[in-house]
């Protein structure tokens, strides 16, 4: 839902304004948006992913990684935080 800008098919479920704000870098930490949005500002967090990539992260590095430009959602559990960029690279490479 968040990867597709809050839309479910043709229906706007989450307001676009909220999605836009949630994906705006925050002043205290440019790599964070609202709540649990982890952003790829300046491609610093995941160099192999587009800057538009973002992730929802839970305890134990349970991650939902969104690549909106590719229309890809990756769900990973208990992955080492340092391995996320490599995993993104492999998934995008496999699709090409």
PDB file of N, CA and C in Angstrom:
ATOM      1  N   UNK A   1       0.826  -1.188   0.000  1.00  0.00           N
ATOM      2  CA  UNK A   1       0.000   0.000   0.000  1.00  0.00           C
ATOM      3  C   UNK A   1       0.876   1.259   0.000  1.00  0.00           C
ATOM      4  N   UNK A   2       1.876   1.302   0.846  1.00  0.00           N
ATOM      5  CA  UNK A   2       2.739   2.487   0.884  1.00  0.00           C
ATOM      6  C   UNK A   2       3.624   2.566  -0.349  1.00  0.00           C
ATOM      7  N   UNK A   3       4.022   1.426  -0.880  1.00  0.00           N
ATOM      8  CA  UNK A   3       4.877   1.410  -2.067  1.00  0.00           C
ATOM      9  C   UNK A   3       4.152   2.015  -3.269  1.00  0.00           C
ATOM     10  N   UNK A   4       2.843   1.867  -3.304  1.00  0.00           N
ATOM     11  CA  UNK A   4       2.051   2.387  -4.429  1.00  0.00           C
ATOM     12  C   UNK A   4       1.356   3.700  -4.087  1.00  0.00           C
ATOM     13  N   UNK A   5       1.968   4.456  -3.197  1.00  0.00           N
ATOM     14  CA  UNK A   5       1.470   5.791  -2.903  1.00  0.00           C
ATOM     15  C   UNK A   5       0.135   5.834  -2.190  1.00  0.00           C
ATOM     16  N   UNK A   6      -0.204   4.768  -1.450  1.00  0.00           N
ATOM     17  CA  UNK A   6      -1.445   4.730  -0.693  1.00  0.00           C
ATOM     18  C   UNK A   6      -2.647   4.269  -1.491  1.00  0.00           C
ATOM     19  N   UNK A   7      -2.400   3.750  -2.704  1.00  0.00           N
ATOM     20  CA  UNK A   7      -3.506   3.306  -3.555  1.00  0.00           C
ATOM     21  C   UNK A   7      -3.698   1.788  -3.484  1.00  0.00           C
ATOM     22  N   UNK A   8      -4.948   1.374  -3.529  1.00  0.00           N
ATOM     23  CA  UNK A   8      -5.315  -0.036  -3.672  1.00  0.00           C
ATOM     24  C   UNK A   8      -6.096  -0.107  -4.972  1.00  0.00           C
ATOM     25  N   UNK A   9      -5.424  -0.535  -6.034  1.00  0.00           N
ATOM     26  CA  UNK A   9      -6.041  -0.480  -7.361  1.00  0.00           C
ATOM     27  C   UNK A   9      -6.261   0.972  -7.737  1.00  0.00           C
ATOM     28  N   UNK A  10      -7.473   1.336  -8.075  1.00  0.00           N
ATOM     29  CA  UNK A  10      -7.792   2.708  -8.447  1.00  0.00           C
ATOM     30  C   UNK A  10      -8.216   3.552  -7.244  1.00  0.00           C
ATOM     31  N   UNK A  11      -8.340   2.922  -6.081  1.00  0.00           N
ATOM     32  CA  UNK A  11      -8.843   3.613  -4.893  1.00  0.00           C
ATOM     33  C   UNK A  11      -7.701   4.183  -4.046  1.00  0.00           C
ATOM     34  N   UNK A  12      -7.795   5.456  -3.683  1.00  0.00           N
ATOM     35  CA  UNK A  12      -6.823   6.094  -2.796  1.00  0.00           C
ATOM     36  C   UNK A  12      -7.242   5.802  -1.359  1.00  0.00           C
ATOM     37  N   UNK A  13      -6.508   4.903  -0.675  1.00  0.00           N
ATOM     38  CA  UNK A  13      -6.857   4.472   0.677  1.00  0.00           C
ATOM     39  C   UNK A  13      -6.203   5.373   1.722  1.00  0.00           C
ATOM     40  N   UNK A  14      -4.940   5.686   1.523  1.00  0.00           N
ATOM     41  CA  UNK A  14      -4.203   6.599   2.403  1.00  0.00           C
ATOM     42  C   UNK A  14      -4.020   7.898   1.619  1.00  0.00           C
ATOM     43  N   UNK A  15      -4.336   9.049   2.202  1.00  0.00           N
ATOM     44  CA  UNK A  15      -4.199  10.300   1.457  1.00  0.00           C
ATOM     45  C   UNK A  15      -2.790  10.501   0.893  1.00  0.00           C
ATOM     46  N   UNK A  16      -2.723  10.958  -0.350  1.00  0.00           N
ATOM     47  CA  UNK A  16      -1.422  11.204  -0.984  1.00  0.00           C
ATOM     48  C   UNK A  16      -0.584  12.180  -0.171  1.00  0.00           C
ATOM     49  N   UNK A  17      -1.226  13.166   0.446  1.00  0.00           N
ATOM     50  CA  UNK A  17      -0.495  14.155   1.250  1.00  0.00           C
ATOM     51  C   UNK A  17       0.210  13.482   2.427  1.00  0.00           C
ATOM     52  N   UNK A  18      -0.425  12.483   3.042  1.00  0.00           N
ATOM     53  CA  UNK A  18       0.195  11.780   4.160  1.00  0.00           C
ATOM     54  C   UNK A  18       1.379  10.947   3.672  1.00  0.00           C
ATOM     55  N   UNK A  19       1.214  10.271   2.541  1.00  0.00           N
ATOM     56  CA  UNK A  19       2.307   9.477   1.969  1.00  0.00           C
ATOM     57  C   UNK A  19       3.492  10.384   1.652  1.00  0.00           C
ATOM     58  N   UNK A  20       3.222  11.524   1.021  1.00  0.00           N
ATOM     59  CA  UNK A  20       4.301  12.466   0.657  1.00  0.00           C
ATOM     60  C   UNK A  20       5.033  12.943   1.909  1.00  0.00           C
ATOM     61  N   UNK A  21       4.283  13.348   2.942  1.00  0.00           N
ATOM     62  CA  UNK A  21       4.907  13.802   4.183  1.00  0.00           C
ATOM     63  C   UNK A  21       5.681  12.685   4.874  1.00  0.00           C
ATOM     64  N   UNK A  22       5.144  11.474   4.843  1.00  0.00           N
ATOM     65  CA  UNK A  22       5.809  10.357   5.523  1.00  0.00           C
ATOM     66  C   UNK A  22       7.126   9.992   4.863  1.00  0.00           C
ATOM     67  N   UNK A  23       7.266  10.335   3.582  1.00  0.00           N
ATOM     68  CA  UNK A  23       8.496  10.030   2.860  1.00  0.00           C
ATOM     69  C   UNK A  23       9.404  11.241   2.720  1.00  0.00           C
ATOM     70  N   UNK A  24       9.121  12.297   3.485  1.00  0.00           N
ATOM     71  CA  UNK A  24       9.954  13.497   3.507  1.00  0.00           C
ATOM     72  C   UNK A  24      10.989  13.347   4.614  1.00  0.00           C
ATOM     73  N   UNK A  25      12.290  13.535   4.305  1.00  0.00           N
ATOM     74  CA  UNK A  25      13.307  13.420   5.356  1.00  0.00           C
ATOM     75  C   UNK A  25      13.014  14.359   6.532  1.00  0.00           C
ATOM     76  N   UNK A  26      13.200  13.859   7.746  1.00  0.00           N
ATOM     77  CA  UNK A  26      12.947  14.679   8.936  1.00  0.00           C
ATOM     78  C   UNK A  26      14.181  15.515   9.272  1.00  0.00           C
ATOM     79  N   UNK A  27      13.964  16.615   9.969  1.00  0.00           N
ATOM     80  CA  UNK A  27      15.071  17.513  10.328  1.00  0.00           C
ATOM     81  C   UNK A  27      16.095  16.843  11.249  1.00  0.00           C
ATOM     82  N   UNK A  28      15.672  16.111  12.302  1.00  0.00           N
ATOM     83  CA  UNK A  28      16.669  15.514  13.194  1.00  0.00           C
ATOM     84  C   UNK A  28      17.507  14.422  12.524  1.00  0.00           C
ATOM     85  N   UNK A  29      16.902  13.676  11.588  1.00  0.00           N
ATOM     86  CA  UNK A  29      17.610  12.575  10.927  1.00  0.00           C
ATOM     87  C   UNK A  29      17.058  12.443   9.508  1.00  0.00           C
ATOM     88  N   UNK A  30      17.805  12.907   8.486  1.00  0.00           N
ATOM     89  CA  UNK A  30      17.311  12.869   7.108  1.00  0.00           C
ATOM     90  C   UNK A  30      17.004  11.465   6.587  1.00  0.00           C
ATOM     91  N   UNK A  31      17.481  10.435   7.254  1.00  0.00           N
ATOM     92  CA  UNK A  31      17.199   9.062   6.841  1.00  0.00           C
ATOM     93  C   UNK A  31      15.892   8.522   7.388  1.00  0.00           C
ATOM     94  N   UNK A  32      15.147   9.343   8.155  1.00  0.00           N
ATOM     95  CA  UNK A  32      13.869   8.917   8.719  1.00  0.00           C
ATOM     96  C   UNK A  32      12.741   9.774   8.172  1.00  0.00           C
ATOM     97  N   UNK A  33      11.612   9.116   7.889  1.00  0.00           N
ATOM     98  CA  UNK A  33      10.371   9.819   7.604  1.00  0.00           C
ATOM     99  C   UNK A  33       9.471   9.637   8.813  1.00  0.00           C
ATOM    100  N   UNK A  34       8.154   9.648   8.609  1.00  0.00           N
ATOM    101  CA  UNK A  34       7.207   9.411   9.702  1.00  0.00           C
ATOM    102  C   UNK A  34       7.356   7.985  10.229  1.00  0.00           C
ATOM    103  N   UNK A  35       7.002   7.797  11.462  1.00  0.00           N
ATOM    104  CA  UNK A  35       6.903   6.489  12.096  1.00  0.00           C
ATOM    105  C   UNK A  35       8.098   5.606  11.777  1.00  0.00           C
ATOM    106  N   UNK A  36       7.872   4.528  11.048  1.00  0.00           N
ATOM    107  CA  UNK A  36       8.972   3.597  10.769  1.00  0.00           C
ATOM    108  C   UNK A  36       9.373   3.625   9.304  1.00  0.00           C
ATOM    109  N   UNK A  37       9.305   4.785   8.686  1.00  0.00           N
ATOM    110  CA  UNK A  37       9.795   4.944   7.313  1.00  0.00           C
ATOM    111  C   UNK A  37      11.296   5.219   7.385  1.00  0.00           C
ATOM    112  N   UNK A  38      12.093   4.320   6.858  1.00  0.00           N
ATOM    113  CA  UNK A  38      13.531   4.533   6.745  1.00  0.00           C
ATOM    114  C   UNK A  38      13.794   4.866   5.290  1.00  0.00           C
ATOM    115  N   UNK A  39      14.375   6.024   5.055  1.00  0.00           N
ATOM    116  CA  UNK A  39      14.542   6.556   3.706  1.00  0.00           C
ATOM    117  C   UNK A  39      15.945   6.315   3.177  1.00  0.00           C
ATOM    118  N   UNK A  40      16.086   6.404   1.886  1.00  0.00           N
ATOM    119  CA  UNK A  40      17.382   6.226   1.230  1.00  0.00           C
ATOM    120  C   UNK A  40      17.900   7.586   0.735  1.00  0.00           C
ATOM    121  N   UNK A  41      17.795   8.578   1.582  1.00  0.00           N
ATOM    122  CA  UNK A  41      18.195   9.945   1.253  1.00  0.00           C
ATOM    123  C   UNK A  41      19.645   9.981   0.779  1.00  0.00           C
ATOM    124  N   UNK A  42      19.849  10.520  -0.424  1.00  0.00           N
ATOM    125  CA  UNK A  42      21.195  10.600  -0.987  1.00  0.00           C
ATOM    126  C   UNK A  42      21.806   9.244  -1.288  1.00  0.00           C
ATOM    127  N   UNK A  43      20.982   8.215  -1.318  1.00  0.00           N
ATOM    128  CA  UNK A  43      21.430   6.825  -1.545  1.00  0.00           C
ATOM    129  C   UNK A  43      22.477   6.398  -0.511  1.00  0.00           C
ATOM    130  N   UNK A  44      22.430   7.008   0.664  1.00  0.00           N
ATOM    131  CA  UNK A  44      23.412   6.700   1.713  1.00  0.00           C
ATOM    132  C   UNK A  44      23.134   5.374   2.410  1.00  0.00           C
ATOM    133  N   UNK A  45      21.871   5.057   2.635  1.00  0.00           N
ATOM    134  CA  UNK A  45      21.540   3.835   3.384  1.00  0.00           C
ATOM    135  C   UNK A  45      21.764   2.591   2.531  1.00  0.00           C
ATOM    136  N   UNK A  46      21.304   2.625   1.273  1.00  0.00           N
ATOM    137  CA  UNK A  46      21.437   1.487   0.354  1.00  0.00           C
ATOM    138  C   UNK A  46      21.912   2.015  -0.996  1.00  0.00           C
ATOM    139  N   UNK A  47      23.211   2.074  -1.238  1.00  0.00           N
ATOM    140  CA  UNK A  47      23.747   2.625  -2.488  1.00  0.00           C
ATOM    141  C   UNK A  47      23.263   1.907  -3.747  1.00  0.00           C
ATOM    142  N   UNK A  48      22.901   0.623  -3.639  1.00  0.00           N
ATOM    143  CA  UNK A  48      22.458  -0.128  -4.817  1.00  0.00           C
ATOM    144  C   UNK A  48      20.973   0.039  -5.121  1.00  0.00           C
ATOM    145  N   UNK A  49      20.271   0.795  -4.304  1.00  0.00           N
ATOM    146  CA  UNK A  49      18.833   1.016  -4.503  1.00  0.00           C
ATOM    147  C   UNK A  49      18.602   2.449  -4.976  1.00  0.00           C
ATOM    148  N   UNK A  50      17.479   2.677  -5.660  1.00  0.00           N
ATOM    149  CA  UNK A  50      17.160   4.053  -6.036  1.00  0.00           C
ATOM    150  C   UNK A  50      16.933   4.914  -4.791  1.00  0.00           C
ATOM    151  N   UNK A  51      17.116   6.210  -4.937  1.00  0.00           N
ATOM    152  CA  UNK A  51      16.908   7.106  -3.799  1.00  0.00           C
ATOM    153  C   UNK A  51      15.463   7.059  -3.312  1.00  0.00           C
ATOM    154  N   UNK A  52      14.532   6.691  -4.174  1.00  0.00           N
ATOM    155  CA  UNK A  52      13.112   6.623  -3.798  1.00  0.00           C
ATOM    156  C   UNK A  52      12.793   5.409  -2.921  1.00  0.00           C
ATOM    157  N   UNK A  53      13.727   4.483  -2.758  1.00  0.00           N
ATOM    158  CA  UNK A  53      13.498   3.289  -1.939  1.00  0.00           C
ATOM    159  C   UNK A  53      13.281   3.686  -0.478  1.00  0.00           C
ATOM    160  N   UNK A  54      12.428   2.931   0.191  1.00  0.00           N
ATOM    161  CA  UNK A  54      12.243   3.128   1.628  1.00  0.00           C
ATOM    162  C   UNK A  54      11.907   1.790   2.257  1.00  0.00           C
ATOM    163  N   UNK A  55      12.019   1.754   3.590  1.00  0.00           N
ATOM    164  CA  UNK A  55      11.819   0.493   4.281  1.00  0.00           C
ATOM    165  C   UNK A  55      11.020   0.737   5.557  1.00  0.00           C
ATOM    166  N   UNK A  56      10.154  -0.207   5.872  1.00  0.00           N
ATOM    167  CA  UNK A  56       9.493  -0.272   7.170  1.00  0.00           C
ATOM    168  C   UNK A  56      10.269  -1.343   7.939  1.00  0.00           C
ATOM    169  N   UNK A  57      10.718  -1.018   9.132  1.00  0.00           N
ATOM    170  CA  UNK A  57      11.602  -1.918   9.869  1.00  0.00           C
ATOM    171  C   UNK A  57      11.025  -2.227  11.233  1.00  0.00           C
ATOM    172  N   UNK A  58      11.025  -3.499  11.579  1.00  0.00           N
ATOM    173  CA  UNK A  58      10.538  -3.927  12.882  1.00  0.00           C
ATOM    174  C   UNK A  58      11.627  -4.628  13.661  1.00  0.00           C
ATOM    175  N   UNK A  59      11.303  -5.053  14.845  1.00  0.00           N
ATOM    176  CA  UNK A  59      12.242  -5.719  15.731  1.00  0.00           C
ATOM    177  C   UNK A  59      12.826  -6.967  15.074  1.00  0.00           C
ATOM    178  N   UNK A  60      14.112  -7.187  15.281  1.00  0.00           N
ATOM    179  CA  UNK A  60      14.777  -8.359  14.721  1.00  0.00           C
ATOM    180  C   UNK A  60      15.100  -8.189  13.247  1.00  0.00           C
ATOM    181  N   UNK A  61      15.123  -6.958  12.788  1.00  0.00           N
ATOM    182  CA  UNK A  61      15.336  -6.631  11.376  1.00  0.00           C
ATOM    183  C   UNK A  61      14.334  -7.368  10.487  1.00  0.00           C
ATOM    184  N   UNK A  62      13.072  -7.305  10.891  1.00  0.00           N
ATOM    185  CA  UNK A  62      11.978  -7.739  10.026  1.00  0.00           C
ATOM    186  C   UNK A  62      11.686  -6.536   9.144  1.00  0.00           C
ATOM    187  N   UNK A  63      11.918  -6.669   7.854  1.00  0.00           N
ATOM    188  CA  UNK A  63      11.897  -5.514   6.961  1.00  0.00           C
ATOM    189  C   UNK A  63      10.918  -5.692   5.810  1.00  0.00           C
ATOM    190  N   UNK A  64      10.245  -4.598   5.485  1.00  0.00           N
ATOM    191  CA  UNK A  64       9.443  -4.496   4.272  1.00  0.00           C
ATOM    192  C   UNK A  64      10.107  -3.373   3.470  1.00  0.00           C
ATOM    193  N   UNK A  65      10.757  -3.767   2.384  1.00  0.00           N
ATOM    194  CA  UNK A  65      11.529  -2.833   1.568  1.00  0.00           C
ATOM    195  C   UNK A  65      10.724  -2.512   0.320  1.00  0.00           C
ATOM    196  N   UNK A  66      10.521  -1.232   0.071  1.00  0.00           N
ATOM    197  CA  UNK A  66       9.710  -0.783  -1.060  1.00  0.00           C
ATOM    198  C   UNK A  66      10.587  -0.095  -2.098  1.00  0.00           C
ATOM    199  N   UNK A  67      10.470  -0.564  -3.327  1.00  0.00           N
ATOM    200  CA  UNK A  67      11.161   0.043  -4.468  1.00  0.00           C
ATOM    201  C   UNK A  67      10.069   0.505  -5.434  1.00  0.00           C
ATOM    202  N   UNK A  68       9.494   1.695  -5.195  1.00  0.00           N
ATOM    203  CA  UNK A  68       8.343   2.141  -5.977  1.00  0.00           C
ATOM    204  C   UNK A  68       8.602   2.221  -7.486  1.00  0.00           C
ATOM    205  N   UNK A  69       9.783   2.639  -7.890  1.00  0.00           N
ATOM    206  CA  UNK A  69      10.079   2.775  -9.329  1.00  0.00           C
ATOM    207  C   UNK A  69      10.012   1.433 -10.048  1.00  0.00           C
ATOM    208  N   UNK A  70      10.370   0.368  -9.344  1.00  0.00           N
ATOM    209  CA  UNK A  70      10.343  -0.968  -9.934  1.00  0.00           C
ATOM    210  C   UNK A  70       9.059  -1.722  -9.596  1.00  0.00           C
ATOM    211  N   UNK A  71       8.196  -1.124  -8.769  1.00  0.00           N
ATOM    212  CA  UNK A  71       6.972  -1.764  -8.291  1.00  0.00           C
ATOM    213  C   UNK A  71       7.295  -3.083  -7.587  1.00  0.00           C
ATOM    214  N   UNK A  72       8.321  -3.031  -6.728  1.00  0.00           N
ATOM    215  CA  UNK A  72       8.800  -4.205  -6.000  1.00  0.00           C
ATOM    216  C   UNK A  72       8.641  -3.978  -4.498  1.00  0.00           C
ATOM    217  N   UNK A  73       8.153  -4.999  -3.809  1.00  0.00           N
ATOM    218  CA  UNK A  73       8.140  -5.025  -2.352  1.00  0.00           C
ATOM    219  C   UNK A  73       8.881  -6.288  -1.938  1.00  0.00           C
ATOM    220  N   UNK A  74       9.897  -6.121  -1.104  1.00  0.00           N
ATOM    221  CA  UNK A  74      10.693  -7.239  -0.600  1.00  0.00           C
ATOM    222  C   UNK A  74      10.400  -7.365   0.894  1.00  0.00           C
ATOM    223  N   UNK A  75      10.054  -8.561   1.324  1.00  0.00           N
ATOM    224  CA  UNK A  75       9.845  -8.814   2.750  1.00  0.00           C
ATOM    225  C   UNK A  75      10.945  -9.751   3.210  1.00  0.00           C
ATOM    226  N   UNK A  76      11.684  -9.317   4.210  1.00  0.00           N
ATOM    227  CA  UNK A  76      12.793 -10.122   4.727  1.00  0.00           C
ATOM    228  C   UNK A  76      12.680 -10.176   6.250  1.00  0.00           C
ATOM    229  N   UNK A  77      12.990 -11.332   6.801  1.00  0.00           N
ATOM    230  CA  UNK A  77      12.944 -11.503   8.255  1.00  0.00           C
ATOM    231  C   UNK A  77      14.300 -11.919   8.775  1.00  0.00           C
ATOM    232  N   UNK A  78      14.676 -11.323   9.875  1.00  0.00           N
ATOM    233  CA  UNK A  78      15.894 -11.673  10.585  1.00  0.00           C
ATOM    234  C   UNK A  78      17.127 -11.583   9.698  1.00  0.00           C
ATOM    235  N   UNK A  79      17.148 -10.607   8.815  1.00  0.00           N
ATOM    236  CA  UNK A  79      18.303 -10.387   7.956  1.00  0.00           C
ATOM    237  C   UNK A  79      19.264  -9.434   8.669  1.00  0.00           C
ATOM    238  N   UNK A  80      20.527  -9.639   8.487  1.00  0.00           N
ATOM    239  CA  UNK A  80      21.498  -8.728   9.079  1.00  0.00           C
ATOM    240  C   UNK A  80      21.365  -7.377   8.384  1.00  0.00           C
ATOM    241  N   UNK A  81      21.329  -6.318   9.167  1.00  0.00           N
ATOM    242  CA  UNK A  81      21.112  -4.982   8.633  1.00  0.00           C
ATOM    243  C   UNK A  81      22.116  -4.639   7.530  1.00  0.00           C
ATOM    244  N   UNK A  82      23.360  -5.051   7.667  1.00  0.00           N
ATOM    245  CA  UNK A  82      24.384  -4.767   6.662  1.00  0.00           C
ATOM    246  C   UNK A  82      24.194  -5.526   5.360  1.00  0.00           C
ATOM    247  N   UNK A  83      23.320  -6.527   5.344  1.00  0.00           N
ATOM    248  CA  UNK A  83      23.104  -7.347   4.145  1.00  0.00           C
ATOM    249  C   UNK A  83      21.941  -6.853   3.283  1.00  0.00           C
ATOM    250  N   UNK A  84      21.227  -5.845   3.741  1.00  0.00           N
ATOM    251  CA  UNK A  84      20.043  -5.378   3.017  1.00  0.00           C
ATOM    252  C   UNK A  84      20.408  -4.817   1.646  1.00  0.00           C
ATOM    253  N   UNK A  85      21.442  -3.992   1.566  1.00  0.00           N
ATOM    254  CA  UNK A  85      21.820  -3.397   0.281  1.00  0.00           C
ATOM    255  C   UNK A  85      22.189  -4.468  -0.748  1.00  0.00           C
ATOM    256  N   UNK A  86      22.931  -5.476  -0.326  1.00  0.00           N
ATOM    257  CA  UNK A  86      23.301  -6.568  -1.232  1.00  0.00           C
ATOM    258  C   UNK A  86      22.065  -7.344  -1.693  1.00  0.00           C
ATOM    259  N   UNK A  87      21.125  -7.580  -0.767  1.00  0.00           N
ATOM    260  CA  UNK A  87      19.906  -8.290  -1.132  1.00  0.00           C
ATOM    261  C   UNK A  87      19.104  -7.486  -2.159  1.00  0.00           C
ATOM    262  N   UNK A  88      18.987  -6.184  -1.957  1.00  0.00           N
ATOM    263  CA  UNK A  88      18.275  -5.327  -2.912  1.00  0.00           C
ATOM    264  C   UNK A  88      18.937  -5.432  -4.286  1.00  0.00           C
ATOM    265  N   UNK A  89      20.250  -5.364  -4.312  1.00  0.00           N
ATOM    266  CA  UNK A  89      20.994  -5.456  -5.571  1.00  0.00           C
ATOM    267  C   UNK A  89      20.706  -6.772  -6.287  1.00  0.00           C
ATOM    268  N   UNK A  90      20.668  -7.870  -5.538  1.00  0.00           N
ATOM    269  CA  UNK A  90      20.417  -9.185  -6.143  1.00  0.00           C
ATOM    270  C   UNK A  90      18.986  -9.304  -6.667  1.00  0.00           C
ATOM    271  N   UNK A  91      18.025  -8.790  -5.925  1.00  0.00           N
ATOM    272  CA  UNK A  91      16.626  -8.857  -6.364  1.00  0.00           C
ATOM    273  C   UNK A  91      16.427  -8.032  -7.625  1.00  0.00           C
ATOM    274  N   UNK A  92      16.903  -6.802  -7.637  1.00  0.00           N
ATOM    275  CA  UNK A  92      16.753  -5.952  -8.816  1.00  0.00           C
ATOM    276  C   UNK A  92      17.513  -6.539  -9.993  1.00  0.00           C
ATOM    277  N   UNK A  93      18.699  -7.066  -9.748  1.00  0.00           N
ATOM    278  CA  UNK A  93      19.479  -7.709 -10.819  1.00  0.00           C
ATOM    279  C   UNK A  93      18.786  -8.917 -11.406  1.00  0.00           C
ATOM    280  N   UNK A  94      18.109  -9.691 -10.571  1.00  0.00           N
ATOM    281  CA  UNK A  94      17.409 -10.886 -11.049  1.00  0.00           C
ATOM    282  C   UNK A  94      16.226 -10.529 -11.927  1.00  0.00           C
ATOM    283  N   UNK A  95      15.618  -9.397 -11.691  1.00  0.00           N
ATOM    284  CA  UNK A  95      14.458  -8.983 -12.475  1.00  0.00           C
ATOM    285  C   UNK A  95      14.862  -8.425 -13.827  1.00  0.00           C
ATOM    286  N   UNK A  96      16.028  -7.815 -13.860  1.00  0.00           N
ATOM    287  CA  UNK A  96      16.510  -7.265 -15.137  1.00  0.00           C
ATOM    288  C   UNK A  96      16.755  -8.394 -16.066  1.00  0.00           C
TER     289      UNK A  96
END
